[in-house]
Amino acid sequence: MEKYDLFLEESKRFIERFKDSPLSISLQYQRGEYFLSIKDYNRALKSYQYILNRYPSHELADDSLFRIGQVYSFKKDFQKAAVSFKRLSINYPKSPYLTDAQFFLGDSFFSMKDYKRALREYDSRQKNYPDSILVSKALFHSGLIYSVHMKNDQKALDYFKKIIEKYPDLPSQVVHTHHAGVWDGDNLSSEAINQMLDASITNLTGLDDATQAWAALFKPTEKIAIKVNAFANSTIW
């Protein structure tokens, strides 16, 4: 930690002394990246906004605006996140971050429960950037919206089929869930396992409610088998 404290102290001095130096701009961005990595979102925002406001034509300006949108998402201020991602497409139409920004814009609307606008952004994402690796996620989220929130299972199925057809070799996703109380002495805790399963399904689907998440993938009449590896005295738990 000491070396980072030294970096923050020395970079601050340099920026204050040489405000318009190209190195100062780069240092300011690196400060934002460091603050973001330690989840100090307010100071990260301050660093990115400094670049965006003072040097809007700099090569790091679009990077900073994209990061601002991400930070607001992490802070769960999805309204400001949406504004930032939308602003990126308007102010920096040639930015390489546009492909990801449109998906995250859809996610922002999804989180605000504005599902029609989320669908519009996801559909635009598929048309504008068909080769992006995030298209599969856009299709999946669209299917979730139709299944859970619009109660249109046929439309949802159409989107899920597109994923299988377009990405036949798409690897499965592994979700790692931890629960300190999974073992109760020599016995497994069924309550802890249920909590782990609910946490995993919400993580996998992106839905906050476990009941909705299960309903999005399975019908009440279906029977499913779930394999759980639980090792006593293991650090993975």
C-alpha atoms as a PDB file:
ATOM      1  CA  MET A   1       0.000   0.000   0.000  1.00  0.00           C
ATOM      2  CA  GLU A   2       2.913   2.345   0.715  1.00  0.00           C
ATOM      3  CA  LYS A   3       3.990   2.489  -2.928  1.00  0.00           C
ATOM      4  CA  TYR A   4       0.463   3.501  -3.955  1.00  0.00           C
ATOM      5  CA  ASP A   5       0.392   6.191  -1.284  1.00  0.00           C
ATOM      6  CA  LEU A   6       3.656   7.499  -2.677  1.00  0.00           C
ATOM      7  CA  PHE A   7       2.249   7.425  -6.213  1.00  0.00           C
ATOM      8  CA  LEU A   8      -0.852   9.355  -5.151  1.00  0.00           C
ATOM      9  CA  GLU A   9       1.202  11.941  -3.309  1.00  0.00           C
ATOM     10  CA  GLU A  10       3.794  12.465  -6.034  1.00  0.00           C
ATOM     11  CA  SER A  11       1.292  12.406  -8.902  1.00  0.00           C
ATOM     12  CA  LYS A  12      -0.848  15.013  -7.146  1.00  0.00           C
ATOM     13  CA  ARG A  13       2.160  17.300  -6.789  1.00  0.00           C
ATOM     14  CA  PHE A  14       3.112  16.868 -10.429  1.00  0.00           C
ATOM     15  CA  ILE A  15      -0.435  17.553 -11.662  1.00  0.00           C
ATOM     16  CA  GLU A  16      -0.716  20.687  -9.543  1.00  0.00           C
ATOM     17  CA  ARG A  17       2.588  21.997 -10.868  1.00  0.00           C
ATOM     18  CA  PHE A  18       2.226  20.980 -14.532  1.00  0.00           C
ATOM     19  CA  LYS A  19      -1.527  21.055 -15.096  1.00  0.00           C
ATOM     20  CA  ASP A  20      -1.510  20.932 -18.905  1.00  0.00           C
ATOM     21  CA  SER A  21       1.339  18.502 -19.330  1.00  0.00           C
ATOM     22  CA  PRO A  22       0.428  15.340 -21.296  1.00  0.00           C
ATOM     23  CA  LEU A  23       1.943  13.364 -18.447  1.00  0.00           C
ATOM     24  CA  SER A  24      -0.377  15.106 -15.952  1.00  0.00           C
ATOM     25  CA  ILE A  25      -3.414  13.963 -17.923  1.00  0.00           C
ATOM     26  CA  SER A  26      -2.100  10.408 -18.023  1.00  0.00           C
ATOM     27  CA  LEU A  27      -1.361  10.486 -14.303  1.00  0.00           C
ATOM     28  CA  GLN A  28      -4.845  11.780 -13.568  1.00  0.00           C
ATOM     29  CA  TYR A  29      -6.321   8.872 -15.499  1.00  0.00           C
ATOM     30  CA  GLN A  30      -4.085   6.386 -13.686  1.00  0.00           C
ATOM     31  CA  ARG A  31      -5.243   7.867 -10.391  1.00  0.00           C
ATOM     32  CA  GLY A  32      -8.828   7.228 -11.475  1.00  0.00           C
ATOM     33  CA  GLU A  33      -7.974   3.646 -12.388  1.00  0.00           C
ATOM     34  CA  TYR A  34      -6.383   3.073  -9.000  1.00  0.00           C
ATOM     35  CA  PHE A  35      -9.332   4.555  -7.108  1.00  0.00           C
ATOM     36  CA  LEU A  36     -11.692   2.432  -9.198  1.00  0.00           C
ATOM     37  CA  SER A  37      -9.690  -0.713  -8.397  1.00  0.00           C
ATOM     38  CA  ILE A  38     -10.075  -0.110  -4.634  1.00  0.00           C
ATOM     39  CA  LYS A  39     -13.747   0.896  -5.042  1.00  0.00           C
ATOM     40  CA  ASP A  40     -13.155   4.484  -3.970  1.00  0.00           C
ATOM     41  CA  TYR A  41     -15.806   5.566  -6.442  1.00  0.00           C
ATOM     42  CA  ASN A  42     -16.068   9.218  -5.446  1.00  0.00           C
ATOM     43  CA  ARG A  43     -12.387   9.912  -5.966  1.00  0.00           C
ATOM     44  CA  ALA A  44     -12.403   7.852  -9.161  1.00  0.00           C
ATOM     45  CA  LEU A  45     -15.226  10.021 -10.495  1.00  0.00           C
ATOM     46  CA  LYS A  46     -13.321  13.151  -9.564  1.00  0.00           C
ATOM     47  CA  SER A  47     -10.270  12.006 -11.541  1.00  0.00           C
ATOM     48  CA  TYR A  48     -12.203  11.005 -14.652  1.00  0.00           C
ATOM     49  CA  GLN A  49     -14.386  14.121 -14.595  1.00  0.00           C
ATOM     50  CA  TYR A  50     -11.296  16.304 -14.289  1.00  0.00           C
ATOM     51  CA  ILE A  51     -10.020  14.946 -17.616  1.00  0.00           C
ATOM     52  CA  LEU A  52     -13.421  15.090 -19.305  1.00  0.00           C
ATOM     53  CA  ASN A  53     -14.166  18.661 -18.236  1.00  0.00           C
ATOM     54  CA  ARG A  54     -10.690  20.115 -18.752  1.00  0.00           C
ATOM     55  CA  TYR A  55      -9.541  18.151 -21.813  1.00  0.00           C
ATOM     56  CA  PRO A  56     -12.667  17.009 -23.740  1.00  0.00           C
ATOM     57  CA  SER A  57     -10.659  16.511 -26.953  1.00  0.00           C
ATOM     58  CA  HIS A  58      -7.897  14.461 -25.367  1.00  0.00           C
ATOM     59  CA  GLU A  59      -7.498  10.816 -26.396  1.00  0.00           C
ATOM     60  CA  LEU A  60      -8.376   9.759 -22.850  1.00  0.00           C
ATOM     61  CA  ALA A  61     -11.616  11.773 -22.739  1.00  0.00           C
ATOM     62  CA  ASP A  62     -13.837   9.021 -24.149  1.00  0.00           C
ATOM     63  CA  ASP A  63     -12.098   6.494 -21.888  1.00  0.00           C
ATOM     64  CA  SER A  64     -12.908   8.730 -18.924  1.00  0.00           C
ATOM     65  CA  LEU A  65     -16.554   9.164 -19.915  1.00  0.00           C
ATOM     66  CA  PHE A  66     -16.965   5.410 -20.291  1.00  0.00           C
ATOM     67  CA  ARG A  67     -15.404   4.897 -16.861  1.00  0.00           C
ATOM     68  CA  ILE A  68     -17.757   7.512 -15.397  1.00  0.00           C
ATOM     69  CA  GLY A  69     -20.697   5.467 -16.670  1.00  0.00           C
ATOM     70  CA  GLN A  70     -19.230   2.331 -15.132  1.00  0.00           C
ATOM     71  CA  VAL A  71     -18.618   4.028 -11.791  1.00  0.00           C
ATOM     72  CA  TYR A  72     -22.210   5.271 -11.630  1.00  0.00           C
ATOM     73  CA  SER A  73     -23.341   1.711 -12.379  1.00  0.00           C
ATOM     74  CA  PHE A  74     -21.215   0.403  -9.503  1.00  0.00           C
ATOM     75  CA  LYS A  75     -22.769   3.088  -7.293  1.00  0.00           C
ATOM     76  CA  LYS A  76     -26.202   1.905  -8.528  1.00  0.00           C
ATOM     77  CA  ASP A  77     -26.986   5.369  -9.856  1.00  0.00           C
ATOM     78  CA  PHE A  78     -28.296   3.934 -13.084  1.00  0.00           C
ATOM     79  CA  GLN A  79     -29.886   7.174 -14.264  1.00  0.00           C
ATOM     80  CA  LYS A  80     -26.509   8.928 -14.338  1.00  0.00           C
ATOM     81  CA  ALA A  81     -24.889   5.818 -15.778  1.00  0.00           C
ATOM     82  CA  ALA A  82     -27.374   5.847 -18.670  1.00  0.00           C
ATOM     83  CA  VAL A  83     -26.742   9.551 -19.288  1.00  0.00           C
ATOM     84  CA  SER A  84     -22.976   8.923 -19.409  1.00  0.00           C
ATOM     85  CA  PHE A  85     -23.196   5.979 -21.824  1.00  0.00           C
ATOM     86  CA  LYS A  86     -25.610   7.891 -24.072  1.00  0.00           C
ATOM     87  CA  ARG A  87     -23.382  10.960 -23.989  1.00  0.00           C
ATOM     88  CA  LEU A  88     -20.469   8.801 -25.157  1.00  0.00           C
ATOM     89  CA  SER A  89     -22.284   7.902 -28.380  1.00  0.00           C
ATOM     90  CA  ILE A  90     -23.130  11.556 -29.039  1.00  0.00           C
ATOM     91  CA  ASN A  91     -19.819  13.221 -28.153  1.00  0.00           C
ATOM     92  CA  TYR A  92     -17.458  10.461 -29.278  1.00  0.00           C
ATOM     93  CA  PRO A  93     -19.160   8.577 -32.152  1.00  0.00           C
ATOM     94  CA  LYS A  94     -15.886   6.907 -33.184  1.00  0.00           C
ATOM     95  CA  SER A  95     -14.918   5.722 -29.708  1.00  0.00           C
ATOM     96  CA  PRO A  96     -13.957   2.030 -29.447  1.00  0.00           C
ATOM     97  CA  TYR A  97     -16.004   1.962 -26.228  1.00  0.00           C
ATOM     98  CA  LEU A  98     -19.292   2.395 -28.091  1.00  0.00           C
ATOM     99  CA  THR A  99     -19.728  -1.342 -28.562  1.00  0.00           C
ATOM    100  CA  ASP A 100     -19.712  -1.943 -24.820  1.00  0.00           C
ATOM    101  CA  ALA A 101     -21.445   1.333 -23.922  1.00  0.00           C
ATOM    102  CA  GLN A 102     -24.624   0.434 -25.803  1.00  0.00           C
ATOM    103  CA  PHE A 103     -24.900  -2.850 -23.934  1.00  0.00           C
ATOM    104  CA  PHE A 104     -24.337  -1.154 -20.581  1.00  0.00           C
ATOM    105  CA  LEU A 105     -26.885   1.481 -21.555  1.00  0.00           C
ATOM    106  CA  GLY A 106     -29.382  -1.331 -22.007  1.00  0.00           C
ATOM    107  CA  ASP A 107     -28.342  -2.756 -18.648  1.00  0.00           C
ATOM    108  CA  SER A 108     -28.901   0.646 -17.024  1.00  0.00           C
ATOM    109  CA  PHE A 109     -32.468   0.756 -18.327  1.00  0.00           C
ATOM    110  CA  PHE A 110     -32.917  -2.876 -17.232  1.00  0.00           C
ATOM    111  CA  SER A 111     -31.854  -1.965 -13.696  1.00  0.00           C
ATOM    112  CA  MET A 112     -34.273   0.981 -13.711  1.00  0.00           C
ATOM    113  CA  LYS A 113     -37.046  -1.426 -14.811  1.00  0.00           C
ATOM    114  CA  ASP A 114     -37.464   0.516 -18.062  1.00  0.00           C
ATOM    115  CA  TYR A 115     -37.680  -2.716 -20.023  1.00  0.00           C
ATOM    116  CA  LYS A 116     -38.893  -1.296 -23.334  1.00  0.00           C
ATOM    117  CA  ARG A 117     -35.904   1.022 -23.596  1.00  0.00           C
ATOM    118  CA  ALA A 118     -33.616  -1.783 -22.450  1.00  0.00           C
ATOM    119  CA  LEU A 119     -34.930  -4.010 -25.248  1.00  0.00           C
ATOM    120  CA  ARG A 120     -34.443  -1.207 -27.754  1.00  0.00           C
ATOM    121  CA  GLU A 121     -30.795  -0.807 -26.758  1.00  0.00           C
ATOM    122  CA  TYR A 122     -30.153  -4.563 -26.722  1.00  0.00           C
ATOM    123  CA  ASP A 123     -31.699  -4.924 -30.199  1.00  0.00           C
ATOM    124  CA  SER A 124     -29.661  -1.995 -31.516  1.00  0.00           C
ATOM    125  CA  ARG A 125     -26.570  -3.590 -30.033  1.00  0.00           C
ATOM    126  CA  GLN A 126     -27.172  -6.775 -31.995  1.00  0.00           C
ATOM    127  CA  LYS A 127     -27.693  -4.870 -35.255  1.00  0.00           C
ATOM    128  CA  ASN A 128     -24.868  -2.350 -34.877  1.00  0.00           C
ATOM    129  CA  TYR A 129     -22.221  -4.686 -33.464  1.00  0.00           C
ATOM    130  CA  PRO A 130     -23.174  -8.239 -34.504  1.00  0.00           C
ATOM    131  CA  ASP A 131     -19.672  -9.591 -33.931  1.00  0.00           C
ATOM    132  CA  SER A 132     -19.298  -8.302 -30.385  1.00  0.00           C
ATOM    133  CA  ILE A 133     -18.889 -10.874 -27.628  1.00  0.00           C
ATOM    134  CA  LEU A 134     -21.576  -9.026 -25.641  1.00  0.00           C
ATOM    135  CA  VAL A 135     -24.303  -9.825 -28.169  1.00  0.00           C
ATOM    136  CA  SER A 136     -24.940 -13.187 -26.485  1.00  0.00           C
ATOM    137  CA  LYS A 137     -25.557 -11.372 -23.195  1.00  0.00           C
ATOM    138  CA  ALA A 138     -27.840  -8.862 -24.909  1.00  0.00           C
ATOM    139  CA  LEU A 139     -29.870 -11.745 -26.347  1.00  0.00           C
ATOM    140  CA  PHE A 140     -29.996 -13.460 -22.957  1.00  0.00           C
ATOM    141  CA  HIS A 141     -31.138 -10.311 -21.138  1.00  0.00           C
ATOM    142  CA  SER A 142     -33.769  -9.702 -23.812  1.00  0.00           C
ATOM    143  CA  GLY A 143     -35.061 -13.224 -23.290  1.00  0.00           C
ATOM    144  CA  LEU A 144     -35.220 -12.629 -19.538  1.00  0.00           C
ATOM    145  CA  ILE A 145     -37.244  -9.461 -20.026  1.00  0.00           C
ATOM    146  CA  TYR A 146     -39.812 -11.228 -22.195  1.00  0.00           C
ATOM    147  CA  SER A 147     -39.957 -14.253 -19.901  1.00  0.00           C
ATOM    148  CA  VAL A 148     -40.061 -12.591 -16.479  1.00  0.00           C
ATOM    149  CA  HIS A 149     -41.390  -9.092 -17.000  1.00  0.00           C
ATOM    150  CA  MET A 150     -43.544  -9.307 -20.125  1.00  0.00           C
ATOM    151  CA  LYS A 151     -44.778 -12.876 -19.625  1.00  0.00           C
ATOM    152  CA  ASN A 152     -44.185 -13.680 -23.275  1.00  0.00           C
ATOM    153  CA  ASP A 153     -42.577 -17.128 -23.177  1.00  0.00           C
ATOM    154  CA  GLN A 154     -42.630 -17.601 -26.953  1.00  0.00           C
ATOM    155  CA  LYS A 155     -40.760 -14.369 -27.565  1.00  0.00           C
ATOM    156  CA  ALA A 156     -38.302 -15.280 -24.811  1.00  0.00           C
ATOM    157  CA  LEU A 157     -37.762 -18.682 -26.396  1.00  0.00           C
ATOM    158  CA  ASP A 158     -36.995 -17.006 -29.726  1.00  0.00           C
ATOM    159  CA  TYR A 159     -34.179 -15.038 -28.127  1.00  0.00           C
ATOM    160  CA  PHE A 160     -32.775 -18.039 -26.268  1.00  0.00           C
ATOM    161  CA  LYS A 161     -32.799 -20.047 -29.513  1.00  0.00           C
ATOM    162  CA  LYS A 162     -30.830 -17.276 -31.211  1.00  0.00           C
ATOM    163  CA  ILE A 163     -28.077 -17.733 -28.616  1.00  0.00           C
ATOM    164  CA  ILE A 164     -27.865 -21.471 -29.348  1.00  0.00           C
ATOM    165  CA  GLU A 165     -27.947 -20.927 -33.120  1.00  0.00           C
ATOM    166  CA  LYS A 166     -25.508 -18.020 -33.226  1.00  0.00           C
ATOM    167  CA  TYR A 167     -23.121 -19.268 -30.534  1.00  0.00           C
ATOM    168  CA  PRO A 168     -23.124 -23.096 -30.638  1.00  0.00           C
ATOM    169  CA  ASP A 169     -19.651 -23.207 -29.100  1.00  0.00           C
ATOM    170  CA  LEU A 170     -20.278 -20.603 -26.425  1.00  0.00           C
ATOM    171  CA  PRO A 171     -18.723 -21.919 -23.186  1.00  0.00           C
ATOM    172  CA  SER A 172     -20.931 -22.371 -20.172  1.00  0.00           C
ATOM    173  CA  GLN A 173     -20.645 -19.907 -17.311  1.00  0.00           C
ATOM    174  CA  VAL A 174     -19.303 -20.990 -13.955  1.00  0.00           C
ATOM    175  CA  VAL A 175     -20.616 -19.120 -10.922  1.00  0.00           C
ATOM    176  CA  HIS A 176     -18.586 -19.299  -7.721  1.00  0.00           C
ATOM    177  CA  THR A 177     -20.598 -18.856  -4.523  1.00  0.00           C
ATOM    178  CA  HIS A 178     -19.194 -18.832  -1.002  1.00  0.00           C
ATOM    179  CA  HIS A 179     -20.958 -19.551   2.289  1.00  0.00           C
ATOM    180  CA  ALA A 180     -19.005 -19.890   5.533  1.00  0.00           C
ATOM    181  CA  GLY A 181     -21.744 -21.976   7.161  1.00  0.00           C
ATOM    182  CA  VAL A 182     -22.153 -24.661   4.505  1.00  0.00           C
ATOM    183  CA  TRP A 183     -20.814 -27.247   6.945  1.00  0.00           C
ATOM    184  CA  ASP A 184     -22.402 -27.671  10.379  1.00  0.00           C
ATOM    185  CA  GLY A 185     -19.899 -29.958  12.032  1.00  0.00           C
ATOM    186  CA  ASP A 186     -19.895 -33.115   9.905  1.00  0.00           C
ATOM    187  CA  ASN A 187     -23.230 -32.296   8.268  1.00  0.00           C
ATOM    188  CA  LEU A 188     -24.146 -30.091   5.341  1.00  0.00           C
ATOM    189  CA  SER A 189     -26.475 -27.193   6.098  1.00  0.00           C
ATOM    190  CA  SER A 190     -29.450 -27.361   3.739  1.00  0.00           C
ATOM    191  CA  GLU A 191     -30.295 -23.741   4.521  1.00  0.00           C
ATOM    192  CA  ALA A 192     -26.799 -22.611   3.534  1.00  0.00           C
ATOM    193  CA  ILE A 193     -26.949 -24.630   0.311  1.00  0.00           C
ATOM    194  CA  ASN A 194     -30.314 -23.080  -0.579  1.00  0.00           C
ATOM    195  CA  GLN A 195     -28.844 -19.634   0.012  1.00  0.00           C
ATOM    196  CA  MET A 196     -25.875 -20.491  -2.209  1.00  0.00           C
ATOM    197  CA  LEU A 197     -28.154 -21.722  -4.989  1.00  0.00           C
ATOM    198  CA  ASP A 198     -30.287 -18.577  -4.834  1.00  0.00           C
ATOM    199  CA  ALA A 199     -27.161 -16.395  -4.862  1.00  0.00           C
ATOM    200  CA  SER A 200     -25.800 -18.328  -7.854  1.00  0.00           C
ATOM    201  CA  ILE A 201     -28.985 -18.115  -9.933  1.00  0.00           C
ATOM    202  CA  THR A 202     -29.330 -14.375  -9.360  1.00  0.00           C
ATOM    203  CA  ASN A 203     -25.668 -13.905 -10.249  1.00  0.00           C
ATOM    204  CA  LEU A 204     -26.105 -15.970 -13.407  1.00  0.00           C
ATOM    205  CA  THR A 205     -29.264 -14.241 -14.644  1.00  0.00           C
ATOM    206  CA  GLY A 206     -28.604 -10.725 -13.382  1.00  0.00           C
ATOM    207  CA  LEU A 207     -31.980 -10.646 -11.623  1.00  0.00           C
ATOM    208  CA  ASP A 208     -32.192  -9.444  -8.022  1.00  0.00           C
ATOM    209  CA  ASP A 209     -35.048 -11.718  -6.974  1.00  0.00           C
ATOM    210  CA  ALA A 210     -34.196 -15.436  -6.708  1.00  0.00           C
ATOM    211  CA  THR A 211     -37.784 -16.565  -7.328  1.00  0.00           C
ATOM    212  CA  GLN A 212     -37.926 -14.588 -10.574  1.00  0.00           C
ATOM    213  CA  ALA A 213     -34.505 -15.902 -11.572  1.00  0.00           C
ATOM    214  CA  TRP A 214     -35.554 -19.546 -11.167  1.00  0.00           C
ATOM    215  CA  ALA A 215     -38.836 -18.861 -12.981  1.00  0.00           C
ATOM    216  CA  ALA A 216     -36.953 -17.309 -15.898  1.00  0.00           C
ATOM    217  CA  LEU A 217     -35.125 -20.564 -16.594  1.00  0.00           C
ATOM    218  CA  PHE A 218     -37.450 -23.304 -15.366  1.00  0.00           C
ATOM    219  CA  LYS A 219     -41.165 -23.999 -15.200  1.00  0.00           C
ATOM    220  CA  PRO A 220     -42.791 -25.100 -11.899  1.00  0.00           C
ATOM    221  CA  THR A 221     -43.520 -28.566 -13.311  1.00  0.00           C
ATOM    222  CA  GLU A 222     -39.942 -29.225 -14.442  1.00  0.00           C
ATOM    223  CA  LYS A 223     -37.558 -31.387 -12.455  1.00  0.00           C
ATOM    224  CA  ILE A 224     -33.894 -30.415 -12.464  1.00  0.00           C
ATOM    225  CA  ALA A 225     -30.770 -32.038 -11.082  1.00  0.00           C
ATOM    226  CA  ILE A 226     -28.129 -29.872  -9.441  1.00  0.00           C
ATOM    227  CA  LYS A 227     -24.643 -31.105  -8.643  1.00  0.00           C
ATOM    228  CA  VAL A 228     -23.038 -29.476  -5.610  1.00  0.00           C
ATOM    229  CA  ASN A 229     -19.430 -30.075  -4.586  1.00  0.00           C
ATOM    230  CA  ALA A 230     -18.968 -29.230  -0.922  1.00  0.00           C
ATOM    231  CA  PHE A 231     -15.613 -30.009   0.608  1.00  0.00           C
ATOM    232  CA  ALA A 232     -15.143 -29.748   4.344  1.00  0.00           C
ATOM    233  CA  ASN A 233     -12.108 -27.776   5.560  1.00  0.00           C
ATOM    234  CA  SER A 234     -11.547 -26.350   2.090  1.00  0.00           C
ATOM    235  CA  THR A 235     -10.577 -22.741   1.435  1.00  0.00           C
ATOM    236  CA  ILE A 236     -12.903 -22.546  -1.581  1.00  0.00           C
ATOM    237  CA  TRP A 237     -15.822 -22.199   0.805  1.00  0.00           C
END
